Each structure stands twice: as structure tokens, then as C-alpha cells.
Amino acid sequence: PAEVLARLEADAKEVIARYPGSRSALLPLLHLVQSE
């Protein structure tokens, strides 16, 4: 849903910013969607 997508995109941006290569963020992003 649009409101869920907007919230997850904001969280994902924060997670991806922690890593020099975006692919390294895959594991925490999987935990993020699992939390939803």
C-alpha cells in the first residue's frame, strides 16, 4: 500500500546509506521487510 511503501522507502534509504556499496544492504533490508 502507498503509505507502507513510503515508510519502507524512507527506512531503506537510511539503511543503504550505511554502506559504501548498496548491495551490502541486502541482509538488513530483508530484515526490514520481515518486520513489516
PDB file of all heavy atoms in Angstrom:
ATOM      1  N   PRO A   1       0.841  -1.203   0.000  1.00  0.00           N
ATOM      2  CA  PRO A   1       0.000   0.000   0.000  1.00  0.00           C
ATOM      3  C   PRO A   1       0.878   1.257   0.000  1.00  0.00           C
ATOM      4  O   PRO A   1       2.015   1.244   0.491  1.00  0.00           O
ATOM      5  CB  PRO A   1      -0.797  -0.124   1.303  1.00  0.00           C
ATOM      6  CG  PRO A   1      -0.798  -1.597   1.600  1.00  0.00           C
ATOM      7  CD  PRO A   1       0.513  -2.118   1.114  1.00  0.00           C
ATOM      8  N   ALA A   2       0.343   2.345  -0.521  1.00  0.00           N
ATOM      9  CA  ALA A   2       1.139   3.551  -0.724  1.00  0.00           C
ATOM     10  C   ALA A   2       1.789   4.054   0.561  1.00  0.00           C
ATOM     11  O   ALA A   2       2.976   4.421   0.574  1.00  0.00           O
ATOM     12  CB  ALA A   2       0.266   4.649  -1.332  1.00  0.00           C
ATOM     13  N   GLU A   3       1.034   4.047   1.673  1.00  0.00           N
ATOM     14  CA  GLU A   3       1.603   4.576   2.912  1.00  0.00           C
ATOM     15  C   GLU A   3       2.699   3.661   3.456  1.00  0.00           C
ATOM     16  O   GLU A   3       3.703   4.133   4.018  1.00  0.00           O
ATOM     17  CB  GLU A   3       0.511   4.775   3.973  1.00  0.00           C
ATOM     18  CG  GLU A   3      -0.179   3.510   4.477  1.00  0.00           C
ATOM     19  CD  GLU A   3      -1.295   3.034   3.568  1.00  0.00           C
ATOM     20  OE1 GLU A   3      -1.438   3.588   2.467  1.00  0.00           O
ATOM     21  OE2 GLU A   3      -2.030   2.110   3.982  1.00  0.00           O
ATOM     22  N   VAL A   4       2.523   2.339   3.278  1.00  0.00           N
ATOM     23  CA  VAL A   4       3.556   1.394   3.719  1.00  0.00           C
ATOM     24  C   VAL A   4       4.798   1.545   2.847  1.00  0.00           C
ATOM     25  O   VAL A   4       5.935   1.560   3.343  1.00  0.00           O
ATOM     26  CB  VAL A   4       3.031  -0.044   3.673  1.00  0.00           C
ATOM     27  CG1 VAL A   4       4.152  -1.054   3.977  1.00  0.00           C
ATOM     28  CG2 VAL A   4       1.873  -0.220   4.641  1.00  0.00           C
ATOM     29  N   LEU A   5       4.597   1.674   1.545  1.00  0.00           N
ATOM     30  CA  LEU A   5       5.713   1.816   0.625  1.00  0.00           C
ATOM     31  C   LEU A   5       6.529   3.062   0.942  1.00  0.00           C
ATOM     32  O   LEU A   5       7.771   3.018   0.959  1.00  0.00           O
ATOM     33  CB  LEU A   5       5.201   1.869  -0.810  1.00  0.00           C
ATOM     34  CG  LEU A   5       6.271   2.017  -1.906  1.00  0.00           C
ATOM     35  CD1 LEU A   5       7.221   0.827  -1.881  1.00  0.00           C
ATOM     36  CD2 LEU A   5       5.601   2.158  -3.278  1.00  0.00           C
ATOM     37  N   ALA A   6       5.850   4.174   1.217  1.00  0.00           N
ATOM     38  CA  ALA A   6       6.567   5.414   1.519  1.00  0.00           C
ATOM     39  C   ALA A   6       7.404   5.268   2.790  1.00  0.00           C
ATOM     40  O   ALA A   6       8.556   5.725   2.856  1.00  0.00           O
ATOM     41  CB  ALA A   6       5.574   6.562   1.664  1.00  0.00           C
ATOM     42  N   ARG A   7       6.851   4.619   3.789  1.00  0.00           N
ATOM     43  CA  ARG A   7       7.591   4.430   5.057  1.00  0.00           C
ATOM     44  C   ARG A   7       8.783   3.505   4.871  1.00  0.00           C
ATOM     45  O   ARG A   7       9.881   3.784   5.369  1.00  0.00           O
ATOM     46  CB  ARG A   7       6.623   3.874   6.109  1.00  0.00           C
ATOM     47  CG  ARG A   7       7.282   3.482   7.418  1.00  0.00           C
ATOM     48  CD  ARG A   7       6.259   3.322   8.526  1.00  0.00           C
ATOM     49  NE  ARG A   7       5.063   2.616   8.102  1.00  0.00           N
ATOM     50  CZ  ARG A   7       4.982   1.289   7.976  1.00  0.00           C
ATOM     51  NH1 ARG A   7       6.053   0.547   8.227  1.00  0.00           N
ATOM     52  NH2 ARG A   7       3.843   0.718   7.611  1.00  0.00           N
ATOM     53  N   LEU A   8       8.594   2.409   4.126  1.00  0.00           N
ATOM     54  CA  LEU A   8       9.688   1.478   3.895  1.00  0.00           C
ATOM     55  C   LEU A   8      10.784   2.102   3.030  1.00  0.00           C
ATOM     56  O   LEU A   8      11.977   1.841   3.233  1.00  0.00           O
ATOM     57  CB  LEU A   8       9.173   0.200   3.247  1.00  0.00           C
ATOM     58  CG  LEU A   8       8.336  -0.722   4.137  1.00  0.00           C
ATOM     59  CD1 LEU A   8       7.839  -1.923   3.338  1.00  0.00           C
ATOM     60  CD2 LEU A   8       9.147  -1.197   5.347  1.00  0.00           C
ATOM     61  N   GLU A   9      10.399   2.911   2.067  1.00  0.00           N
ATOM     62  CA  GLU A   9      11.401   3.568   1.220  1.00  0.00           C
ATOM     63  C   GLU A   9      12.270   4.515   2.045  1.00  0.00           C
ATOM     64  O   GLU A   9      13.493   4.591   1.833  1.00  0.00           O
ATOM     65  CB  GLU A   9      10.723   4.319   0.077  1.00  0.00           C
ATOM     66  CG  GLU A   9      10.193   3.405  -1.021  1.00  0.00           C
ATOM     67  CD  GLU A   9       9.478   4.168  -2.109  1.00  0.00           C
ATOM     68  OE1 GLU A   9       9.019   5.308  -1.861  1.00  0.00           O
ATOM     69  OE2 GLU A   9       9.357   3.622  -3.230  1.00  0.00           O
ATOM     70  N   ALA A  10      11.668   5.226   2.994  1.00  0.00           N
ATOM     71  CA  ALA A  10      12.440   6.121   3.857  1.00  0.00           C
ATOM     72  C   ALA A  10      13.403   5.319   4.728  1.00  0.00           C
ATOM     73  O   ALA A  10      14.572   5.688   4.903  1.00  0.00           O
ATOM     74  CB  ALA A  10      11.503   6.962   4.714  1.00  0.00           C
ATOM     75  N   ASP A  11      12.925   4.213   5.278  1.00  0.00           N
ATOM     76  CA  ASP A  11      13.788   3.362   6.099  1.00  0.00           C
ATOM     77  C   ASP A  11      14.896   2.734   5.258  1.00  0.00           C
ATOM     78  O   ASP A  11      16.058   2.645   5.691  1.00  0.00           O
ATOM     79  CB  ASP A  11      12.969   2.262   6.768  1.00  0.00           C
ATOM     80  CG  ASP A  11      12.078   2.784   7.886  1.00  0.00           C
ATOM     81  OD1 ASP A  11      12.361   3.882   8.395  1.00  0.00           O
ATOM     82  OD2 ASP A  11      11.107   2.085   8.245  1.00  0.00           O
ATOM     83  N   ALA A  12      14.554   2.290   4.055  1.00  0.00           N
ATOM     84  CA  ALA A  12      15.540   1.662   3.183  1.00  0.00           C
ATOM     85  C   ALA A  12      16.641   2.644   2.804  1.00  0.00           C
ATOM     86  O   ALA A  12      17.821   2.284   2.745  1.00  0.00           O
ATOM     87  CB  ALA A  12      14.856   1.110   1.929  1.00  0.00           C
ATOM     88  N   LYS A  13      16.278   3.879   2.567  1.00  0.00           N
ATOM     89  CA  LYS A  13      17.279   4.896   2.229  1.00  0.00           C
ATOM     90  C   LYS A  13      18.269   5.056   3.367  1.00  0.00           C
ATOM     91  O   LYS A  13      19.483   5.191   3.145  1.00  0.00           O
ATOM     92  CB  LYS A  13      16.571   6.220   1.935  1.00  0.00           C
ATOM     93  CG  LYS A  13      17.511   7.335   1.498  1.00  0.00           C
ATOM     94  CD  LYS A  13      16.738   8.595   1.155  1.00  0.00           C
ATOM     95  CE  LYS A  13      17.679   9.702   0.716  1.00  0.00           C
ATOM     96  NZ  LYS A  13      16.923  10.947   0.389  1.00  0.00           N
ATOM     97  N   GLU A  14      17.775   5.023   4.605  1.00  0.00           N
ATOM     98  CA  GLU A  14      18.653   5.136   5.772  1.00  0.00           C
ATOM     99  C   GLU A  14      19.580   3.928   5.872  1.00  0.00           C
ATOM    100  O   GLU A  14      20.774   4.069   6.196  1.00  0.00           O
ATOM    101  CB  GLU A  14      17.814   5.258   7.039  1.00  0.00           C
ATOM    102  CG  GLU A  14      18.624   5.395   8.313  1.00  0.00           C
ATOM    103  CD  GLU A  14      17.759   5.553   9.547  1.00  0.00           C
ATOM    104  OE1 GLU A  14      16.578   5.950   9.406  1.00  0.00           O
ATOM    105  OE2 GLU A  14      18.263   5.270  10.660  1.00  0.00           O
ATOM    106  N   VAL A  15      19.056   2.743   5.602  1.00  0.00           N
ATOM    107  CA  VAL A  15      19.871   1.536   5.672  1.00  0.00           C
ATOM    108  C   VAL A  15      20.952   1.542   4.595  1.00  0.00           C
ATOM    109  O   VAL A  15      22.135   1.271   4.865  1.00  0.00           O
ATOM    110  CB  VAL A  15      18.984   0.279   5.537  1.00  0.00           C
ATOM    111  CG1 VAL A  15      19.848  -0.978   5.390  1.00  0.00           C
ATOM    112  CG2 VAL A  15      18.048   0.152   6.726  1.00  0.00           C
ATOM    113  N   ILE A  16      20.581   1.849   3.370  1.00  0.00           N
ATOM    114  CA  ILE A  16      21.520   1.809   2.248  1.00  0.00           C
ATOM    115  C   ILE A  16      22.651   2.811   2.444  1.00  0.00           C
ATOM    116  O   ILE A  16      23.810   2.563   2.064  1.00  0.00           O
ATOM    117  CB  ILE A  16      20.769   2.070   0.924  1.00  0.00           C
ATOM    118  CG1 ILE A  16      19.800   0.911   0.650  1.00  0.00           C
ATOM    119  CG2 ILE A  16      21.738   2.228  -0.239  1.00  0.00           C
ATOM    120  CD1 ILE A  16      18.831   1.168  -0.491  1.00  0.00           C
ATOM    121  N   ALA A  17      22.353   3.932   3.091  1.00  0.00           N
ATOM    122  CA  ALA A  17      23.366   4.969   3.298  1.00  0.00           C
ATOM    123  C   ALA A  17      24.487   4.522   4.227  1.00  0.00           C
ATOM    124  O   ALA A  17      25.557   5.151   4.265  1.00  0.00           O
ATOM    125  CB  ALA A  17      22.709   6.230   3.860  1.00  0.00           C
ATOM    126  N   ARG A  18      24.319   3.441   4.948  1.00  0.00           N
ATOM    127  CA  ARG A  18      25.359   2.948   5.860  1.00  0.00           C
ATOM    128  C   ARG A  18      26.500   2.263   5.122  1.00  0.00           C
ATOM    129  O   ARG A  18      27.561   2.051   5.693  1.00  0.00           O
ATOM    130  CB  ARG A  18      24.759   1.937   6.850  1.00  0.00           C
ATOM    131  CG  ARG A  18      23.614   2.442   7.680  1.00  0.00           C
ATOM    132  CD  ARG A  18      23.015   1.279   8.462  1.00  0.00           C
ATOM    133  NE  ARG A  18      21.747   1.617   9.095  1.00  0.00           N
ATOM    134  CZ  ARG A  18      20.851   0.723   9.495  1.00  0.00           C
ATOM    135  NH1 ARG A  18      21.098  -0.569   9.310  1.00  0.00           N
ATOM    136  NH2 ARG A  18      19.721   1.111  10.068  1.00  0.00           N
ATOM    137  N   TYR A  19      26.292   1.885   3.863  1.00  0.00           N
ATOM    138  CA  TYR A  19      27.249   1.030   3.172  1.00  0.00           C
ATOM    139  C   TYR A  19      27.845   1.734   1.962  1.00  0.00           C
ATOM    140  O   TYR A  19      27.146   2.471   1.247  1.00  0.00           O
ATOM    141  CB  TYR A  19      26.552  -0.260   2.718  1.00  0.00           C
ATOM    142  CG  TYR A  19      25.967  -1.044   3.868  1.00  0.00           C
ATOM    143  CD1 TYR A  19      24.634  -0.852   4.248  1.00  0.00           C
ATOM    144  CD2 TYR A  19      26.744  -1.952   4.575  1.00  0.00           C
ATOM    145  CE1 TYR A  19      24.093  -1.570   5.316  1.00  0.00           C
ATOM    146  CE2 TYR A  19      26.203  -2.669   5.641  1.00  0.00           C
ATOM    147  CZ  TYR A  19      24.885  -2.473   6.010  1.00  0.00           C
ATOM    148  OH  TYR A  19      24.346  -3.174   7.068  1.00  0.00           O
ATOM    149  N   PRO A  20      29.146   1.497   1.700  1.00  0.00           N
ATOM    150  CA  PRO A  20      29.763   2.094   0.502  1.00  0.00           C
ATOM    151  C   PRO A  20      29.221   1.500  -0.786  1.00  0.00           C
ATOM    152  O   PRO A  20      29.199   2.160  -1.823  1.00  0.00           O
ATOM    153  CB  PRO A  20      31.253   1.779   0.687  1.00  0.00           C
ATOM    154  CG  PRO A  20      31.303   0.608   1.619  1.00  0.00           C
ATOM    155  CD  PRO A  20      30.124   0.756   2.525  1.00  0.00           C
ATOM    156  N   GLY A  21      28.779   0.239  -0.742  1.00  0.00           N
ATOM    157  CA  GLY A  21      28.148  -0.402  -1.885  1.00  0.00           C
ATOM    158  C   GLY A  21      26.731  -0.792  -1.524  1.00  0.00           C
ATOM    159  O   GLY A  21      26.507  -1.444  -0.495  1.00  0.00           O
ATOM    160  N   SER A  22      25.763  -0.401  -2.336  1.00  0.00           N
ATOM    161  CA  SER A  22      24.356  -0.607  -1.958  1.00  0.00           C
ATOM    162  C   SER A  22      24.005  -2.080  -1.798  1.00  0.00           C
ATOM    163  O   SER A  22      23.160  -2.435  -0.970  1.00  0.00           O
ATOM    164  CB  SER A  22      23.434   0.037  -3.003  1.00  0.00           C
ATOM    165  OG  SER A  22      23.611  -0.574  -4.282  1.00  0.00           O
ATOM    166  N   ARG A  23      24.655  -2.954  -2.558  1.00  0.00           N
ATOM    167  CA  ARG A  23      24.324  -4.380  -2.477  1.00  0.00           C
ATOM    168  C   ARG A  23      24.555  -4.929  -1.071  1.00  0.00           C
ATOM    169  O   ARG A  23      23.887  -5.879  -0.651  1.00  0.00           O
ATOM    170  CB  ARG A  23      25.152  -5.152  -3.498  1.00  0.00           C
ATOM    171  CG  ARG A  23      24.735  -6.606  -3.654  1.00  0.00           C
ATOM    172  CD  ARG A  23      25.690  -7.379  -4.546  1.00  0.00           C
ATOM    173  NE  ARG A  23      25.231  -8.745  -4.741  1.00  0.00           N
ATOM    174  CZ  ARG A  23      24.739  -9.215  -5.884  1.00  0.00           C
ATOM    175  NH1 ARG A  23      24.646  -8.429  -6.936  1.00  0.00           N
ATOM    176  NH2 ARG A  23      24.353 -10.477  -5.984  1.00  0.00           N
ATOM    177  N   SER A  24      25.473  -4.331  -0.322  1.00  0.00           N
ATOM    178  CA  SER A  24      25.766  -4.787   1.035  1.00  0.00           C
ATOM    179  C   SER A  24      24.588  -4.588   1.973  1.00  0.00           C
ATOM    180  O   SER A  24      24.564  -5.156   3.069  1.00  0.00           O
ATOM    181  CB  SER A  24      26.992  -4.060   1.587  1.00  0.00           C
ATOM    182  OG  SER A  24      28.137  -4.316   0.799  1.00  0.00           O
ATOM    183  N   ALA A  25      23.622  -3.787   1.563  1.00  0.00           N
ATOM    184  CA  ALA A  25      22.460  -3.517   2.415  1.00  0.00           C
ATOM    185  C   ALA A  25      21.368  -4.574   2.284  1.00  0.00           C
ATOM    186  O   ALA A  25      20.329  -4.460   2.941  1.00  0.00           O
ATOM    187  CB  ALA A  25      21.878  -2.143   2.061  1.00  0.00           C
ATOM    188  N   LEU A  26      21.589  -5.612   1.494  1.00  0.00           N
ATOM    189  CA  LEU A  26      20.516  -6.571   1.240  1.00  0.00           C
ATOM    190  C   LEU A  26      20.070  -7.287   2.512  1.00  0.00           C
ATOM    191  O   LEU A  26      18.869  -7.430   2.766  1.00  0.00           O
ATOM    192  CB  LEU A  26      20.957  -7.594   0.183  1.00  0.00           C
ATOM    193  CG  LEU A  26      19.935  -8.696  -0.132  1.00  0.00           C
ATOM    194  CD1 LEU A  26      18.595  -8.104  -0.537  1.00  0.00           C
ATOM    195  CD2 LEU A  26      20.475  -9.618  -1.226  1.00  0.00           C
ATOM    196  N   LEU A  27      21.008  -7.764   3.334  1.00  0.00           N
ATOM    197  CA  LEU A  27      20.612  -8.502   4.536  1.00  0.00           C
ATOM    198  C   LEU A  27      19.750  -7.658   5.470  1.00  0.00           C
ATOM    199  O   LEU A  27      18.683  -8.099   5.900  1.00  0.00           O
ATOM    200  CB  LEU A  27      21.844  -9.054   5.256  1.00  0.00           C
ATOM    201  CG  LEU A  27      22.679 -10.089   4.487  1.00  0.00           C
ATOM    202  CD1 LEU A  27      23.833 -10.585   5.353  1.00  0.00           C
ATOM    203  CD2 LEU A  27      21.826 -11.251   4.031  1.00  0.00           C
ATOM    204  N   PRO A  28      20.176  -6.437   5.847  1.00  0.00           N
ATOM    205  CA  PRO A  28      19.290  -5.642   6.705  1.00  0.00           C
ATOM    206  C   PRO A  28      17.977  -5.256   6.028  1.00  0.00           C
ATOM    207  O   PRO A  28      16.948  -5.130   6.704  1.00  0.00           O
ATOM    208  CB  PRO A  28      20.126  -4.406   7.061  1.00  0.00           C
ATOM    209  CG  PRO A  28      21.225  -4.366   6.072  1.00  0.00           C
ATOM    210  CD  PRO A  28      21.485  -5.784   5.667  1.00  0.00           C
ATOM    211  N   LEU A  29      17.977  -5.089   4.712  1.00  0.00           N
ATOM    212  CA  LEU A  29      16.708  -4.775   4.040  1.00  0.00           C
ATOM    213  C   LEU A  29      15.738  -5.958   4.120  1.00  0.00           C
ATOM    214  O   LEU A  29      14.525  -5.758   4.248  1.00  0.00           O
ATOM    215  CB  LEU A  29      16.955  -4.392   2.580  1.00  0.00           C
ATOM    216  CG  LEU A  29      17.432  -2.978   2.290  1.00  0.00           C
ATOM    217  CD1 LEU A  29      17.394  -2.694   0.791  1.00  0.00           C
ATOM    218  CD2 LEU A  29      16.606  -1.946   3.040  1.00  0.00           C
ATOM    219  N   LEU A  30      16.256  -7.159   4.058  1.00  0.00           N
ATOM    220  CA  LEU A  30      15.382  -8.320   4.211  1.00  0.00           C
ATOM    221  C   LEU A  30      14.788  -8.365   5.617  1.00  0.00           C
ATOM    222  O   LEU A  30      13.621  -8.725   5.802  1.00  0.00           O
ATOM    223  CB  LEU A  30      16.154  -9.602   3.905  1.00  0.00           C
ATOM    224  CG  LEU A  30      16.453  -9.859   2.419  1.00  0.00           C
ATOM    225  CD1 LEU A  30      17.446 -11.001   2.264  1.00  0.00           C
ATOM    226  CD2 LEU A  30      15.175 -10.146   1.643  1.00  0.00           C
ATOM    227  N   HIS A  31      15.584  -8.011   6.620  1.00  0.00           N
ATOM    228  CA  HIS A  31      15.027  -7.909   7.973  1.00  0.00           C
ATOM    229  C   HIS A  31      13.977  -6.798   8.035  1.00  0.00           C
ATOM    230  O   HIS A  31      12.967  -6.924   8.740  1.00  0.00           O
ATOM    231  CB  HIS A  31      16.140  -7.619   8.980  1.00  0.00           C
ATOM    232  CG  HIS A  31      16.972  -8.814   9.328  1.00  0.00           C
ATOM    233  ND1 HIS A  31      16.436  -9.946   9.898  1.00  0.00           N
ATOM    234  CD2 HIS A  31      18.303  -9.047   9.192  1.00  0.00           C
ATOM    235  CE1 HIS A  31      17.402 -10.832  10.094  1.00  0.00           C
ATOM    236  NE2 HIS A  31      18.543 -10.314   9.679  1.00  0.00           N
ATOM    237  N   LEU A  32      14.212  -5.715   7.315  1.00  0.00           N
ATOM    238  CA  LEU A  32      13.258  -4.604   7.319  1.00  0.00           C
ATOM    239  C   LEU A  32      11.896  -5.035   6.781  1.00  0.00           C
ATOM    240  O   LEU A  32      10.859  -4.769   7.406  1.00  0.00           O
ATOM    241  CB  LEU A  32      13.808  -3.437   6.494  1.00  0.00           C
ATOM    242  CG  LEU A  32      12.873  -2.235   6.327  1.00  0.00           C
ATOM    243  CD1 LEU A  32      12.577  -1.578   7.659  1.00  0.00           C
ATOM    244  CD2 LEU A  32      13.472  -1.229   5.335  1.00  0.00           C
ATOM    245  N   VAL A  33      11.877  -5.706   5.634  1.00  0.00           N
ATOM    246  CA  VAL A  33      10.585  -6.123   5.084  1.00  0.00           C
ATOM    247  C   VAL A  33       9.969  -7.223   5.943  1.00  0.00           C
ATOM    248  O   VAL A  33       8.744  -7.340   6.023  1.00  0.00           O
ATOM    249  CB  VAL A  33      10.724  -6.568   3.611  1.00  0.00           C
ATOM    250  CG1 VAL A  33      11.183  -5.403   2.739  1.00  0.00           C
ATOM    251  CG2 VAL A  33      11.669  -7.752   3.463  1.00  0.00           C
ATOM    252  N   GLN A  34      10.811  -8.014   6.606  1.00  0.00           N
ATOM    253  CA  GLN A  34      10.278  -9.027   7.515  1.00  0.00           C
ATOM    254  C   GLN A  34       9.601  -8.371   8.718  1.00  0.00           C
ATOM    255  O   GLN A  34       8.622  -8.905   9.256  1.00  0.00           O
ATOM    256  CB  GLN A  34      11.408  -9.947   7.977  1.00  0.00           C
ATOM    257  CG  GLN A  34      10.949 -11.135   8.778  1.00  0.00           C
ATOM    258  CD  GLN A  34      11.954 -12.266   8.781  1.00  0.00           C
ATOM    259  OE1 GLN A  34      11.751 -13.293   8.146  1.00  0.00           O
ATOM    260  NE2 GLN A  34      13.062 -12.092   9.484  1.00  0.00           N
ATOM    261  N   SER A  35      10.100  -7.221   9.136  1.00  0.00           N
ATOM    262  CA  SER A  35       9.475  -6.510  10.249  1.00  0.00           C
ATOM    263  C   SER A  35       8.108  -5.950   9.876  1.00  0.00           C
ATOM    264  O   SER A  35       7.296  -5.638  10.747  1.00  0.00           O
ATOM    265  CB  SER A  35      10.383  -5.371  10.729  1.00  0.00           C
ATOM    266  OG  SER A  35      10.395  -4.282   9.811  1.00  0.00           O
ATOM    267  N   GLU A  36       7.836  -5.846   8.601  1.00  0.00           N
ATOM    268  CA  GLU A  36       6.549  -5.329   8.142  1.00  0.00           C
ATOM    269  C   GLU A  36       5.479  -6.409   8.099  1.00  0.00           C
ATOM    270  O   GLU A  36       4.341  -6.197   8.525  1.00  0.00           O
ATOM    271  CB  GLU A  36       6.708  -4.705   6.755  1.00  0.00           C
ATOM    272  CG  GLU A  36       5.457  -4.056   6.214  1.00  0.00           C
ATOM    273  CD  GLU A  36       4.998  -2.872   7.050  1.00  0.00           C
ATOM    274  OE1 GLU A  36       5.855  -2.137   7.595  1.00  0.00           O
ATOM    275  OE2 GLU A  36       3.768  -2.678   7.166  1.00  0.00           O
TER     276      GLU A  36
END
